């Protein structure tokens, strides 16, 4: 049996070093940029997988990509694909500190460079 990894698109709001704040349908998350395939800047769209940007979505693919994912999320809430999309939005990265729903003291820290290296190895990507 093959396992598929699901990435979820979001809009980059700000970039600071190898970290970006990304908006996923109103939910802002911190996302690592160590593994993204090309440089990103505010206004770009990326595919996120568990807190890592794995692809910059080309400008001519943004509308179609967002419409596709929105159709997934508007499906039956018991649909496994819709559930996977929502799980991916809720996992990985963190809500920026100081915003509503920010990290509590006992919550997990955002992903770091070591996590990026582990993800690259897991996905068998050589950079």
PDB file of N, CA and C in Angstrom:
ATOM      1  N   UNK A   1       0.849  -1.176   0.000  1.00  0.00           N
ATOM      2  CA  UNK A   1       0.000   0.000   0.000  1.00  0.00           C
ATOM      3  C   UNK A   1       0.893   1.237   0.000  1.00  0.00           C
ATOM      4  N   UNK A   2       0.570   2.207  -0.851  1.00  0.00           N
ATOM      5  CA  UNK A   2       1.302   3.475  -0.897  1.00  0.00           C
ATOM      6  C   UNK A   2       0.603   4.487  -0.019  1.00  0.00           C
ATOM      7  N   UNK A   3       1.392   5.337   0.628  1.00  0.00           N
ATOM      8  CA  UNK A   3       0.859   6.409   1.456  1.00  0.00           C
ATOM      9  C   UNK A   3       1.121   7.719   0.743  1.00  0.00           C
ATOM     10  N   UNK A   4       0.097   8.555   0.654  1.00  0.00           N
ATOM     11  CA  UNK A   4       0.234   9.837  -0.019  1.00  0.00           C
ATOM     12  C   UNK A   4       0.341  10.947   1.022  1.00  0.00           C
ATOM     13  N   UNK A   5       1.246  11.878   0.785  1.00  0.00           N
ATOM     14  CA  UNK A   5       1.360  13.057   1.633  1.00  0.00           C
ATOM     15  C   UNK A   5       0.518  14.165   1.013  1.00  0.00           C
ATOM     16  N   UNK A   6      -0.222  14.854   1.832  1.00  0.00           N
ATOM     17  CA  UNK A   6      -1.079  15.918   1.338  1.00  0.00           C
ATOM     18  C   UNK A   6      -0.504  17.264   1.739  1.00  0.00           C
ATOM     19  N   UNK A   7      -0.298  18.126   0.777  1.00  0.00           N
ATOM     20  CA  UNK A   7       0.109  19.496   1.045  1.00  0.00           C
ATOM     21  C   UNK A   7      -1.103  20.397   0.893  1.00  0.00           C
ATOM     22  N   UNK A   8      -1.128  21.475   1.649  1.00  0.00           N
ATOM     23  CA  UNK A   8      -2.254  22.406   1.603  1.00  0.00           C
ATOM     24  C   UNK A   8      -1.735  23.784   1.202  1.00  0.00           C
ATOM     25  N   UNK A   9      -2.425  24.454   0.250  1.00  0.00           N
ATOM     26  CA  UNK A   9      -1.963  25.766  -0.197  1.00  0.00           C
ATOM     27  C   UNK A   9      -2.328  26.875   0.776  1.00  0.00           C
ATOM     28  N   UNK A  10      -1.460  27.886   0.819  1.00  0.00           N
ATOM     29  CA  UNK A  10      -1.727  29.064   1.627  1.00  0.00           C
ATOM     30  C   UNK A  10      -0.970  30.257   1.075  1.00  0.00           C
ATOM     31  N   UNK A  11      -1.411  31.453   1.486  1.00  0.00           N
ATOM     32  CA  UNK A  11      -0.795  32.689   1.011  1.00  0.00           C
ATOM     33  C   UNK A  11       0.250  33.177   2.008  1.00  0.00           C
ATOM     34  N   UNK A  12       1.454  33.442   1.507  1.00  0.00           N
ATOM     35  CA  UNK A  12       2.536  33.960   2.344  1.00  0.00           C
ATOM     36  C   UNK A  12       2.226  35.403   2.708  1.00  0.00           C
ATOM     37  N   UNK A  13       2.195  35.689   4.007  1.00  0.00           N
ATOM     38  CA  UNK A  13       1.915  37.040   4.494  1.00  0.00           C
ATOM     39  C   UNK A  13       3.201  37.794   4.823  1.00  0.00           C
ATOM     40  N   UNK A  14       4.182  37.084   5.382  1.00  0.00           N
ATOM     41  CA  UNK A  14       5.465  37.719   5.696  1.00  0.00           C
ATOM     42  C   UNK A  14       6.544  36.650   5.710  1.00  0.00           C
ATOM     43  N   UNK A  15       7.789  37.098   5.474  1.00  0.00           N
ATOM     44  CA  UNK A  15       8.933  36.192   5.466  1.00  0.00           C
ATOM     45  C   UNK A  15      10.014  36.795   6.344  1.00  0.00           C
ATOM     46  N   UNK A  16      10.569  35.960   7.216  1.00  0.00           N
ATOM     47  CA  UNK A  16      11.699  36.370   8.036  1.00  0.00           C
ATOM     48  C   UNK A  16      12.688  35.224   8.064  1.00  0.00           C
ATOM     49  N   UNK A  17      13.770  35.349   7.288  1.00  0.00           N
ATOM     50  CA  UNK A  17      14.756  34.276   7.196  1.00  0.00           C
ATOM     51  C   UNK A  17      14.153  33.043   6.549  1.00  0.00           C
ATOM     52  N   UNK A  18      14.228  31.912   7.270  1.00  0.00           N
ATOM     53  CA  UNK A  18      13.692  30.652   6.742  1.00  0.00           C
ATOM     54  C   UNK A  18      12.310  30.347   7.306  1.00  0.00           C
ATOM     55  N   UNK A  19      11.632  31.366   7.792  1.00  0.00           N
ATOM     56  CA  UNK A  19      10.297  31.187   8.348  1.00  0.00           C
ATOM     57  C   UNK A  19       9.336  32.196   7.722  1.00  0.00           C
ATOM     58  N   UNK A  20       8.105  31.741   7.466  1.00  0.00           N
ATOM     59  CA  UNK A  20       7.089  32.613   6.900  1.00  0.00           C
ATOM     60  C   UNK A  20       5.793  32.468   7.687  1.00  0.00           C
ATOM     61  N   UNK A  21       5.029  33.548   7.728  1.00  0.00           N
ATOM     62  CA  UNK A  21       3.671  33.480   8.237  1.00  0.00           C
ATOM     63  C   UNK A  21       2.783  33.292   7.022  1.00  0.00           C
ATOM     64  N   UNK A  22       1.959  32.230   7.058  1.00  0.00           N
ATOM     65  CA  UNK A  22       1.136  31.851   5.912  1.00  0.00           C
ATOM     66  C   UNK A  22      -0.321  31.780   6.345  1.00  0.00           C
ATOM     67  N   UNK A  23      -1.194  32.304   5.505  1.00  0.00           N
ATOM     68  CA  UNK A  23      -2.634  32.304   5.770  1.00  0.00           C
ATOM     69  C   UNK A  23      -3.285  31.128   5.045  1.00  0.00           C
ATOM     70  N   UNK A  24      -3.941  30.252   5.831  1.00  0.00           N
ATOM     71  CA  UNK A  24      -4.690  29.126   5.305  1.00  0.00           C
ATOM     72  C   UNK A  24      -6.161  29.361   5.618  1.00  0.00           C
ATOM     73  N   UNK A  25      -6.886  30.007   4.704  1.00  0.00           N
ATOM     74  CA  UNK A  25      -8.309  30.281   4.878  1.00  0.00           C
ATOM     75  C   UNK A  25      -8.599  30.924   6.239  1.00  0.00           C
ATOM     76  N   UNK A  26      -7.817  31.956   6.575  1.00  0.00           N
ATOM     77  CA  UNK A  26      -8.047  32.692   7.812  1.00  0.00           C
ATOM     78  C   UNK A  26      -7.284  32.179   9.012  1.00  0.00           C
ATOM     79  N   UNK A  27      -6.597  31.054   8.888  1.00  0.00           N
ATOM     80  CA  UNK A  27      -5.773  30.506   9.972  1.00  0.00           C
ATOM     81  C   UNK A  27      -4.323  30.791   9.620  1.00  0.00           C
ATOM     82  N   UNK A  28      -3.659  31.616  10.429  1.00  0.00           N
ATOM     83  CA  UNK A  28      -2.253  31.926  10.167  1.00  0.00           C
ATOM     84  C   UNK A  28      -1.357  30.959  10.917  1.00  0.00           C
ATOM     85  N   UNK A  29      -0.375  30.426  10.182  1.00  0.00           N
ATOM     86  CA  UNK A  29       0.584  29.469  10.728  1.00  0.00           C
ATOM     87  C   UNK A  29       1.989  29.908  10.364  1.00  0.00           C
ATOM     88  N   UNK A  30       2.932  29.546  11.215  1.00  0.00           N
ATOM     89  CA  UNK A  30       4.344  29.738  10.906  1.00  0.00           C
ATOM     90  C   UNK A  30       4.795  28.512  10.126  1.00  0.00           C
ATOM     91  N   UNK A  31       5.454  28.734   8.990  1.00  0.00           N
ATOM     92  CA  UNK A  31       5.872  27.657   8.103  1.00  0.00           C
ATOM     93  C   UNK A  31       7.351  27.819   7.809  1.00  0.00           C
ATOM     94  N   UNK A  32       8.084  26.712   7.843  1.00  0.00           N
ATOM     95  CA  UNK A  32       9.512  26.728   7.511  1.00  0.00           C
ATOM     96  C   UNK A  32       9.689  26.751   5.997  1.00  0.00           C
ATOM     97  N   UNK A  33      10.745  27.436   5.549  1.00  0.00           N
ATOM     98  CA  UNK A  33      11.018  27.570   4.120  1.00  0.00           C
ATOM     99  C   UNK A  33      12.247  26.776   3.683  1.00  0.00           C
ATOM    100  N   UNK A  34      12.803  25.950   4.578  1.00  0.00           N
ATOM    101  CA  UNK A  34      14.012  25.189   4.265  1.00  0.00           C
ATOM    102  C   UNK A  34      13.855  24.262   3.071  1.00  0.00           C
ATOM    103  N   UNK A  35      12.652  23.762   2.845  1.00  0.00           N
ATOM    104  CA  UNK A  35      12.447  22.726   1.835  1.00  0.00           C
ATOM    105  C   UNK A  35      11.720  23.201   0.584  1.00  0.00           C
ATOM    106  N   UNK A  36      11.360  24.471   0.513  1.00  0.00           N
ATOM    107  CA  UNK A  36      10.597  24.968  -0.633  1.00  0.00           C
ATOM    108  C   UNK A  36      11.465  24.957  -1.891  1.00  0.00           C
ATOM    109  N   UNK A  37      10.831  24.728  -3.049  1.00  0.00           N
ATOM    110  CA  UNK A  37      11.562  24.543  -4.296  1.00  0.00           C
ATOM    111  C   UNK A  37      12.080  25.827  -4.933  1.00  0.00           C
ATOM    112  N   UNK A  38      11.581  26.989  -4.512  1.00  0.00           N
ATOM    113  CA  UNK A  38      12.084  28.266  -5.025  1.00  0.00           C
ATOM    114  C   UNK A  38      11.783  29.358  -4.006  1.00  0.00           C
ATOM    115  N   UNK A  39      12.506  30.480  -4.075  1.00  0.00           N
ATOM    116  CA  UNK A  39      12.300  31.549  -3.091  1.00  0.00           C
ATOM    117  C   UNK A  39      10.861  32.062  -3.095  1.00  0.00           C
ATOM    118  N   UNK A  40      10.395  32.470  -1.915  1.00  0.00           N
ATOM    119  CA  UNK A  40       9.046  33.018  -1.794  1.00  0.00           C
ATOM    120  C   UNK A  40       9.108  34.383  -1.130  1.00  0.00           C
ATOM    121  N   UNK A  41       8.070  35.169  -1.385  1.00  0.00           N
ATOM    122  CA  UNK A  41       7.940  36.489  -0.776  1.00  0.00           C
ATOM    123  C   UNK A  41       6.467  36.718  -0.463  1.00  0.00           C
ATOM    124  N   UNK A  42       6.158  37.730   0.355  1.00  0.00           N
ATOM    125  CA  UNK A  42       4.750  37.991   0.662  1.00  0.00           C
ATOM    126  C   UNK A  42       3.918  38.120  -0.617  1.00  0.00           C
ATOM    127  N   UNK A  43       2.739  37.498  -0.579  1.00  0.00           N
ATOM    128  CA  UNK A  43       1.854  37.485  -1.733  1.00  0.00           C
ATOM    129  C   UNK A  43       1.931  36.205  -2.542  1.00  0.00           C
ATOM    130  N   UNK A  44       3.041  35.457  -2.390  1.00  0.00           N
ATOM    131  CA  UNK A  44       3.164  34.172  -3.072  1.00  0.00           C
ATOM    132  C   UNK A  44       2.290  33.139  -2.370  1.00  0.00           C
ATOM    133  N   UNK A  45       2.005  32.055  -3.062  1.00  0.00           N
ATOM    134  CA  UNK A  45       1.279  30.922  -2.492  1.00  0.00           C
ATOM    135  C   UNK A  45       2.211  29.717  -2.458  1.00  0.00           C
ATOM    136  N   UNK A  46       2.115  28.934  -1.380  1.00  0.00           N
ATOM    137  CA  UNK A  46       2.950  27.751  -1.221  1.00  0.00           C
ATOM    138  C   UNK A  46       2.067  26.547  -0.890  1.00  0.00           C
ATOM    139  N   UNK A  47       2.627  25.352  -1.090  1.00  0.00           N
ATOM    140  CA  UNK A  47       2.016  24.136  -0.563  1.00  0.00           C
ATOM    141  C   UNK A  47       2.733  23.816   0.732  1.00  0.00           C
ATOM    142  N   UNK A  48       1.979  23.620   1.801  1.00  0.00           N
ATOM    143  CA  UNK A  48       2.511  23.335   3.125  1.00  0.00           C
ATOM    144  C   UNK A  48       2.270  21.867   3.458  1.00  0.00           C
ATOM    145  N   UNK A  49       3.288  21.232   4.015  1.00  0.00           N
ATOM    146  CA  UNK A  49       3.130  19.875   4.534  1.00  0.00           C
ATOM    147  C   UNK A  49       3.728  19.859   5.932  1.00  0.00           C
ATOM    148  N   UNK A  50       2.889  19.667   6.918  1.00  0.00           N
ATOM    149  CA  UNK A  50       3.243  19.628   8.346  1.00  0.00           C
ATOM    150  C   UNK A  50       4.243  20.713   8.754  1.00  0.00           C
ATOM    151  N   UNK A  51       3.964  21.936   8.361  1.00  0.00           N
ATOM    152  CA  UNK A  51       4.784  23.054   8.805  1.00  0.00           C
ATOM    153  C   UNK A  51       5.940  23.420   7.903  1.00  0.00           C
ATOM    154  N   UNK A  52       6.052  22.769   6.748  1.00  0.00           N
ATOM    155  CA  UNK A  52       7.128  23.052   5.799  1.00  0.00           C
ATOM    156  C   UNK A  52       6.542  23.407   4.443  1.00  0.00           C
ATOM    157  N   UNK A  53       7.035  24.496   3.861  1.00  0.00           N
ATOM    158  CA  UNK A  53       6.659  24.835   2.484  1.00  0.00           C
ATOM    159  C   UNK A  53       7.428  23.883   1.584  1.00  0.00           C
ATOM    160  N   UNK A  54       6.707  23.100   0.788  1.00  0.00           N
ATOM    161  CA  UNK A  54       7.380  22.134  -0.081  1.00  0.00           C
ATOM    162  C   UNK A  54       7.360  22.556  -1.547  1.00  0.00           C
ATOM    163  N   UNK A  55       6.547  23.567  -1.864  1.00  0.00           N
ATOM    164  CA  UNK A  55       6.483  24.037  -3.249  1.00  0.00           C
ATOM    165  C   UNK A  55       5.896  25.440  -3.298  1.00  0.00           C
ATOM    166  N   UNK A  56       6.494  26.304  -4.119  1.00  0.00           N
ATOM    167  CA  UNK A  56       5.888  27.599  -4.426  1.00  0.00           C
ATOM    168  C   UNK A  56       4.937  27.353  -5.589  1.00  0.00           C
ATOM    169  N   UNK A  57       3.694  27.773  -5.430  1.00  0.00           N
ATOM    170  CA  UNK A  57       2.699  27.569  -6.489  1.00  0.00           C
ATOM    171  C   UNK A  57       2.884  28.671  -7.535  1.00  0.00           C
ATOM    172  N   UNK A  58       3.118  28.296  -8.803  1.00  0.00           N
ATOM    173  CA  UNK A  58       3.276  29.308  -9.848  1.00  0.00           C
ATOM    174  C   UNK A  58       2.020  30.185  -9.953  1.00  0.00           C
ATOM    175  N   UNK A  59       2.214  31.450 -10.265  1.00  0.00           N
ATOM    176  CA  UNK A  59       1.107  32.409 -10.330  1.00  0.00           C
ATOM    177  C   UNK A  59      -0.044  31.920 -11.197  1.00  0.00           C
ATOM    178  N   UNK A  60       0.265  31.274 -12.320  1.00  0.00           N
ATOM    179  CA  UNK A  60      -0.800  30.844 -13.229  1.00  0.00           C
ATOM    180  C   UNK A  60      -1.553  29.596 -12.743  1.00  0.00           C
ATOM    181  N   UNK A  61      -1.153  29.032 -11.595  1.00  0.00           N
ATOM    182  CA  UNK A  61      -1.823  27.857 -11.037  1.00  0.00           C
ATOM    183  C   UNK A  61      -2.580  28.162  -9.736  1.00  0.00           C
ATOM    184  N   UNK A  62      -2.446  29.368  -9.206  1.00  0.00           N
ATOM    185  CA  UNK A  62      -3.016  29.695  -7.895  1.00  0.00           C
ATOM    186  C   UNK A  62      -4.536  29.550  -7.877  1.00  0.00           C
ATOM    187  N   UNK A  63      -5.233  30.209  -8.802  1.00  0.00           N
ATOM    188  CA  UNK A  63      -6.703  30.188  -8.783  1.00  0.00           C
ATOM    189  C   UNK A  63      -7.243  28.758  -8.877  1.00  0.00           C
ATOM    190  N   UNK A  64      -6.699  27.987  -9.794  1.00  0.00           N
ATOM    191  CA  UNK A  64      -7.164  26.613  -9.976  1.00  0.00           C
ATOM    192  C   UNK A  64      -6.865  25.765  -8.729  1.00  0.00           C
ATOM    193  N   UNK A  65      -5.675  25.937  -8.162  1.00  0.00           N
ATOM    194  CA  UNK A  65      -5.297  25.170  -6.971  1.00  0.00           C
ATOM    195  C   UNK A  65      -6.202  25.508  -5.795  1.00  0.00           C
ATOM    196  N   UNK A  66      -6.422  26.801  -5.554  1.00  0.00           N
ATOM    197  CA  UNK A  66      -7.265  27.207  -4.433  1.00  0.00           C
ATOM    198  C   UNK A  66      -8.702  26.722  -4.624  1.00  0.00           C
ATOM    199  N   UNK A  67      -9.219  26.801  -5.846  1.00  0.00           N
ATOM    200  CA  UNK A  67     -10.585  26.330  -6.113  1.00  0.00           C
ATOM    201  C   UNK A  67     -10.699  24.826  -5.862  1.00  0.00           C
ATOM    202  N   UNK A  68      -9.693  24.081  -6.249  1.00  0.00           N
ATOM    203  CA  UNK A  68      -9.707  22.638  -6.031  1.00  0.00           C
ATOM    204  C   UNK A  68      -9.764  22.311  -4.537  1.00  0.00           C
ATOM    205  N   UNK A  69      -8.911  22.959  -3.754  1.00  0.00           N
ATOM    206  CA  UNK A  69      -8.901  22.692  -2.314  1.00  0.00           C
ATOM    207  C   UNK A  69     -10.184  23.176  -1.642  1.00  0.00           C
ATOM    208  N   UNK A  70     -10.715  24.292  -2.100  1.00  0.00           N
ATOM    209  CA  UNK A  70     -11.984  24.764  -1.537  1.00  0.00           C
ATOM    210  C   UNK A  70     -13.099  23.768  -1.828  1.00  0.00           C
ATOM    211  N   UNK A  71     -13.050  23.127  -2.986  1.00  0.00           N
ATOM    212  CA  UNK A  71     -14.067  22.112  -3.292  1.00  0.00           C
ATOM    213  C   UNK A  71     -13.917  20.918  -2.349  1.00  0.00           C
ATOM    214  N   UNK A  72     -12.683  20.559  -2.000  1.00  0.00           N
ATOM    215  CA  UNK A  72     -12.465  19.477  -1.029  1.00  0.00           C
ATOM    216  C   UNK A  72     -13.101  19.826   0.309  1.00  0.00           C
ATOM    217  N   UNK A  73     -12.894  21.065   0.739  1.00  0.00           N
ATOM    218  CA  UNK A  73     -13.356  21.472   2.071  1.00  0.00           C
ATOM    219  C   UNK A  73     -14.870  21.647   2.118  1.00  0.00           C
ATOM    220  N   UNK A  74     -15.517  21.835   0.977  1.00  0.00           N
ATOM    221  CA  UNK A  74     -16.966  21.999   0.944  1.00  0.00           C
ATOM    222  C   UNK A  74     -17.700  20.676   0.770  1.00  0.00           C
ATOM    223  N   UNK A  75     -16.935  19.593   0.656  1.00  0.00           N
ATOM    224  CA  UNK A  75     -17.532  18.267   0.515  1.00  0.00           C
ATOM    225  C   UNK A  75     -18.119  17.825   1.857  1.00  0.00           C
ATOM    226  N   UNK A  76     -18.687  16.660   1.853  1.00  0.00           N
ATOM    227  CA  UNK A  76     -19.215  16.023   3.053  1.00  0.00           C
ATOM    228  C   UNK A  76     -18.128  16.008   4.132  1.00  0.00           C
ATOM    229  N   UNK A  77     -18.422  16.504   5.354  1.00  0.00           N
ATOM    230  CA  UNK A  77     -17.408  16.534   6.409  1.00  0.00           C
ATOM    231  C   UNK A  77     -16.873  15.160   6.782  1.00  0.00           C
ATOM    232  N   UNK A  78     -17.597  14.102   6.418  1.00  0.00           N
ATOM    233  CA  UNK A  78     -17.122  12.744   6.696  1.00  0.00           C
ATOM    234  C   UNK A  78     -16.240  12.207   5.569  1.00  0.00           C
ATOM    235  N   UNK A  79     -16.103  12.975   4.479  1.00  0.00           N
ATOM    236  CA  UNK A  79     -15.253  12.581   3.363  1.00  0.00           C
ATOM    237  C   UNK A  79     -13.801  12.565   3.826  1.00  0.00           C
ATOM    238  N   UNK A  80     -13.080  11.478   3.558  1.00  0.00           N
ATOM    239  CA  UNK A  80     -11.709  11.343   4.039  1.00  0.00           C
ATOM    240  C   UNK A  80     -10.767  12.390   3.462  1.00  0.00           C
ATOM    241  N   UNK A  81     -10.939  12.761   2.201  1.00  0.00           N
ATOM    242  CA  UNK A  81     -10.070  13.776   1.616  1.00  0.00           C
ATOM    243  C   UNK A  81     -10.305  15.135   2.268  1.00  0.00           C
ATOM    244  N   UNK A  82     -11.575  15.507   2.463  1.00  0.00           N
ATOM    245  CA  UNK A  82     -11.890  16.771   3.140  1.00  0.00           C
ATOM    246  C   UNK A  82     -11.313  16.764   4.554  1.00  0.00           C
ATOM    247  N   UNK A  83     -11.417  15.635   5.223  1.00  0.00           N
ATOM    248  CA  UNK A  83     -10.870  15.512   6.578  1.00  0.00           C
ATOM    249  C   UNK A  83      -9.350  15.671   6.568  1.00  0.00           C
ATOM    250  N   UNK A  84      -8.674  15.080   5.571  1.00  0.00           N
ATOM    251  CA  UNK A  84      -7.220  15.211   5.466  1.00  0.00           C
ATOM    252  C   UNK A  84      -6.800  16.665   5.244  1.00  0.00           C
ATOM    253  N   UNK A  85      -7.538  17.387   4.396  1.00  0.00           N
ATOM    254  CA  UNK A  85      -7.218  18.797   4.142  1.00  0.00           C
ATOM    255  C   UNK A  85      -7.340  19.592   5.435  1.00  0.00           C
ATOM    256  N   UNK A  86      -8.423  19.385   6.165  1.00  0.00           N
ATOM    257  CA  UNK A  86      -8.624  20.124   7.421  1.00  0.00           C
ATOM    258  C   UNK A  86      -7.566  19.739   8.462  1.00  0.00           C
ATOM    259  N   UNK A  87      -7.213  18.462   8.528  1.00  0.00           N
ATOM    260  CA  UNK A  87      -6.169  18.026   9.463  1.00  0.00           C
ATOM    261  C   UNK A  87      -4.835  18.691   9.138  1.00  0.00           C
ATOM    262  N   UNK A  88      -4.515  18.795   7.845  1.00  0.00           N
ATOM    263  CA  UNK A  88      -3.256  19.413   7.443  1.00  0.00           C
ATOM    264  C   UNK A  88      -3.234  20.894   7.794  1.00  0.00           C
ATOM    265  N   UNK A  89      -4.353  21.577   7.636  1.00  0.00           N
ATOM    266  CA  UNK A  89      -4.426  22.993   8.001  1.00  0.00           C
ATOM    267  C   UNK A  89      -4.192  23.154   9.497  1.00  0.00           C
ATOM    268  N   UNK A  90      -4.747  22.249  10.285  1.00  0.00           N
ATOM    269  CA  UNK A  90      -4.641  22.345  11.742  1.00  0.00           C
ATOM    270  C   UNK A  90      -3.299  21.863  12.270  1.00  0.00           C
ATOM    271  N   UNK A  91      -2.545  21.069  11.496  1.00  0.00           N
ATOM    272  CA  UNK A  91      -1.270  20.549  11.976  1.00  0.00           C
ATOM    273  C   UNK A  91      -0.114  21.360  11.417  1.00  0.00           C
ATOM    274  N   UNK A  92       1.058  21.125  11.953  1.00  0.00           N
ATOM    275  CA  UNK A  92       2.252  21.753  11.421  1.00  0.00           C
ATOM    276  C   UNK A  92       2.255  23.250  11.609  1.00  0.00           C
ATOM    277  N   UNK A  93       3.408  23.816  11.906  1.00  0.00           N
ATOM    278  CA  UNK A  93       3.506  25.250  12.131  1.00  0.00           C
ATOM    279  C   UNK A  93       2.757  25.641  13.392  1.00  0.00           C
ATOM    280  N   UNK A  94       2.658  26.922  13.629  1.00  0.00           N
ATOM    281  CA  UNK A  94       1.977  27.423  14.811  1.00  0.00           C
ATOM    282  C   UNK A  94       1.307  28.731  14.475  1.00  0.00           C
ATOM    283  N   UNK A  95       0.329  29.105  15.280  1.00  0.00           N
ATOM    284  CA  UNK A  95      -0.257  30.433  15.159  1.00  0.00           C
ATOM    285  C   UNK A  95       0.761  31.403  15.744  1.00  0.00           C
ATOM    286  N   UNK A  96       1.031  32.534  15.091  1.00  0.00           N
ATOM    287  CA  UNK A  96       2.042  33.462  15.584  1.00  0.00           C
ATOM    288  C   UNK A  96       1.766  33.888  17.026  1.00  0.00           C
ATOM    289  N   UNK A  97       2.832  33.979  17.816  1.00  0.00           N
ATOM    290  CA  UNK A  97       2.720  34.414  19.204  1.00  0.00           C
ATOM    291  C   UNK A  97       2.056  35.780  19.249  1.00  0.00           C
ATOM    292  N   UNK A  98       1.211  35.988  20.255  1.00  0.00           N
ATOM    293  CA  UNK A  98       0.565  37.278  20.432  1.00  0.00           C
ATOM    294  C   UNK A  98      -0.754  37.392  19.696  1.00  0.00           C
ATOM    295  N   UNK A  99      -1.057  36.434  18.807  1.00  0.00           N
ATOM    296  CA  UNK A  99      -2.343  36.487  18.123  1.00  0.00           C
ATOM    297  C   UNK A  99      -3.325  35.577  18.831  1.00  0.00           C
ATOM    298  N   UNK A 100      -4.588  35.708  18.494  1.00  0.00           N
ATOM    299  CA  UNK A 100      -5.595  34.844  19.101  1.00  0.00           C
ATOM    300  C   UNK A 100      -5.216  33.404  18.822  1.00  0.00           C
ATOM    301  N   UNK A 101      -5.239  32.568  19.838  1.00  0.00           N
ATOM    302  CA  UNK A 101      -4.915  31.164  19.659  1.00  0.00           C
ATOM    303  C   UNK A 101      -3.431  30.892  19.620  1.00  0.00           C
ATOM    304  N   UNK A 102      -2.592  31.825  20.076  1.00  0.00           N
ATOM    305  CA  UNK A 102      -1.146  31.641  20.090  1.00  0.00           C
ATOM    306  C   UNK A 102      -0.725  30.479  20.961  1.00  0.00           C
ATOM    307  N   UNK A 103       0.537  30.118  20.897  1.00  0.00           N
ATOM    308  CA  UNK A 103       1.055  28.985  21.645  1.00  0.00           C
ATOM    309  C   UNK A 103       0.963  29.182  23.150  1.00  0.00           C
ATOM    310  N   UNK A 104       0.535  28.157  23.829  1.00  0.00           N
ATOM    311  CA  UNK A 104       0.613  28.135  25.283  1.00  0.00           C
ATOM    312  C   UNK A 104       2.020  27.689  25.650  1.00  0.00           C
ATOM    313  N   UNK A 105       2.424  27.941  26.879  1.00  0.00           N
ATOM    314  CA  UNK A 105       3.784  27.630  27.307  1.00  0.00           C
ATOM    315  C   UNK A 105       4.130  26.151  27.151  1.00  0.00           C
ATOM    316  N   UNK A 106       3.157  25.250  27.273  1.00  0.00           N
ATOM    317  CA  UNK A 106       3.441  23.827  27.213  1.00  0.00           C
ATOM    318  C   UNK A 106       3.245  23.218  25.823  1.00  0.00           C
ATOM    319  N   UNK A 107       2.976  24.034  24.786  1.00  0.00           N
ATOM    320  CA  UNK A 107       2.762  23.498  23.448  1.00  0.00           C
ATOM    321  C   UNK A 107       4.077  23.320  22.716  1.00  0.00           C
ATOM    322  N   UNK A 108       4.023  22.547  21.648  1.00  0.00           N
ATOM    323  CA  UNK A 108       5.184  22.218  20.842  1.00  0.00           C
ATOM    324  C   UNK A 108       5.764  23.451  20.152  1.00  0.00           C
ATOM    325  N   UNK A 109       7.083  23.501  20.070  1.00  0.00           N
ATOM    326  CA  UNK A 109       7.773  24.595  19.388  1.00  0.00           C
ATOM    327  C   UNK A 109       7.613  24.461  17.881  1.00  0.00           C
ATOM    328  N   UNK A 110       7.730  25.564  17.141  1.00  0.00           N
ATOM    329  CA  UNK A 110       7.677  25.474  15.679  1.00  0.00           C
ATOM    330  C   UNK A 110       8.806  24.592  15.150  1.00  0.00           C
ATOM    331  N   UNK A 111       8.629  24.093  13.943  1.00  0.00           N
ATOM    332  CA  UNK A 111       9.644  23.260  13.303  1.00  0.00           C
ATOM    333  C   UNK A 111      10.941  24.042  13.152  1.00  0.00           C
ATOM    334  N   UNK A 112      12.061  23.317  13.120  1.00  0.00           N
ATOM    335  CA  UNK A 112      13.354  23.966  12.966  1.00  0.00           C
ATOM    336  C   UNK A 112      14.152  23.301  11.845  1.00  0.00           C
ATOM    337  N   UNK A 113      15.423  23.696  11.698  1.00  0.00           N
ATOM    338  CA  UNK A 113      16.260  23.197  10.602  1.00  0.00           C
ATOM    339  C   UNK A 113      16.419  21.680  10.656  1.00  0.00           C
ATOM    340  N   UNK A 114      16.565  21.123  11.841  1.00  0.00           N
ATOM    341  CA  UNK A 114      16.701  19.666  11.976  1.00  0.00           C
ATOM    342  C   UNK A 114      15.433  18.959  11.489  1.00  0.00           C
ATOM    343  N   UNK A 115      14.269  19.536  11.813  1.00  0.00           N
ATOM    344  CA  UNK A 115      13.012  18.973  11.327  1.00  0.00           C
ATOM    345  C   UNK A 115      12.958  19.025   9.806  1.00  0.00           C
ATOM    346  N   UNK A 116      13.471  20.104   9.217  1.00  0.00           N
ATOM    347  CA  UNK A 116      13.494  20.237   7.756  1.00  0.00           C
ATOM    348  C   UNK A 116      14.349  19.133   7.136  1.00  0.00           C
ATOM    349  N   UNK A 117      15.511  18.887   7.732  1.00  0.00           N
ATOM    350  CA  UNK A 117      16.392  17.832   7.224  1.00  0.00           C
ATOM    351  C   UNK A 117      15.717  16.468   7.332  1.00  0.00           C
ATOM    352  N   UNK A 118      15.021  16.220   8.434  1.00  0.00           N
ATOM    353  CA  UNK A 118      14.303  14.951   8.612  1.00  0.00           C
ATOM    354  C   UNK A 118      13.221  14.787   7.549  1.00  0.00           C
ATOM    355  N   UNK A 119      12.480  15.868   7.253  1.00  0.00           N
ATOM    356  CA  UNK A 119      11.426  15.800   6.246  1.00  0.00           C
ATOM    357  C   UNK A 119      12.021  15.531   4.867  1.00  0.00           C
ATOM    358  N   UNK A 120      13.106  16.221   4.528  1.00  0.00           N
ATOM    359  CA  UNK A 120      13.756  15.987   3.239  1.00  0.00           C
ATOM    360  C   UNK A 120      14.188  14.531   3.101  1.00  0.00           C
ATOM    361  N   UNK A 121      14.740  13.980   4.174  1.00  0.00           N
ATOM    362  CA  UNK A 121      15.168  12.577   4.154  1.00  0.00           C
ATOM    363  C   UNK A 121      13.957  11.660   3.999  1.00  0.00           C
ATOM    364  N   UNK A 122      12.905  11.920   4.757  1.00  0.00           N
ATOM    365  CA  UNK A 122      11.698  11.095   4.699  1.00  0.00           C
ATOM    366  C   UNK A 122      11.084  11.100   3.302  1.00  0.00           C
ATOM    367  N   UNK A 123      11.085  12.250   2.646  1.00  0.00           N
ATOM    368  CA  UNK A 123      10.517  12.369   1.307  1.00  0.00           C
ATOM    369  C   UNK A 123      11.502  12.019   0.209  1.00  0.00           C
ATOM    370  N   UNK A 124      12.737  11.615   0.611  1.00  0.00           N
ATOM    371  CA  UNK A 124      13.789  11.235  -0.320  1.00  0.00           C
ATOM    372  C   UNK A 124      14.086  12.357  -1.314  1.00  0.00           C
ATOM    373  N   UNK A 125      14.291  13.577  -0.767  1.00  0.00           N
ATOM    374  CA  UNK A 125      14.605  14.760  -1.567  1.00  0.00           C
ATOM    375  C   UNK A 125      16.032  15.170  -1.254  1.00  0.00           C
ATOM    376  N   UNK A 126      16.860  15.283  -2.299  1.00  0.00           N
ATOM    377  CA  UNK A 126      18.242  15.749  -2.137  1.00  0.00           C
ATOM    378  C   UNK A 126      18.333  17.194  -2.564  1.00  0.00           C
ATOM    379  N   UNK A 127      18.814  18.047  -1.657  1.00  0.00           N
ATOM    380  CA  UNK A 127      18.932  19.468  -1.963  1.00  0.00           C
ATOM    381  C   UNK A 127      20.394  19.848  -2.042  1.00  0.00           C
TER     382      UNK A 127
END
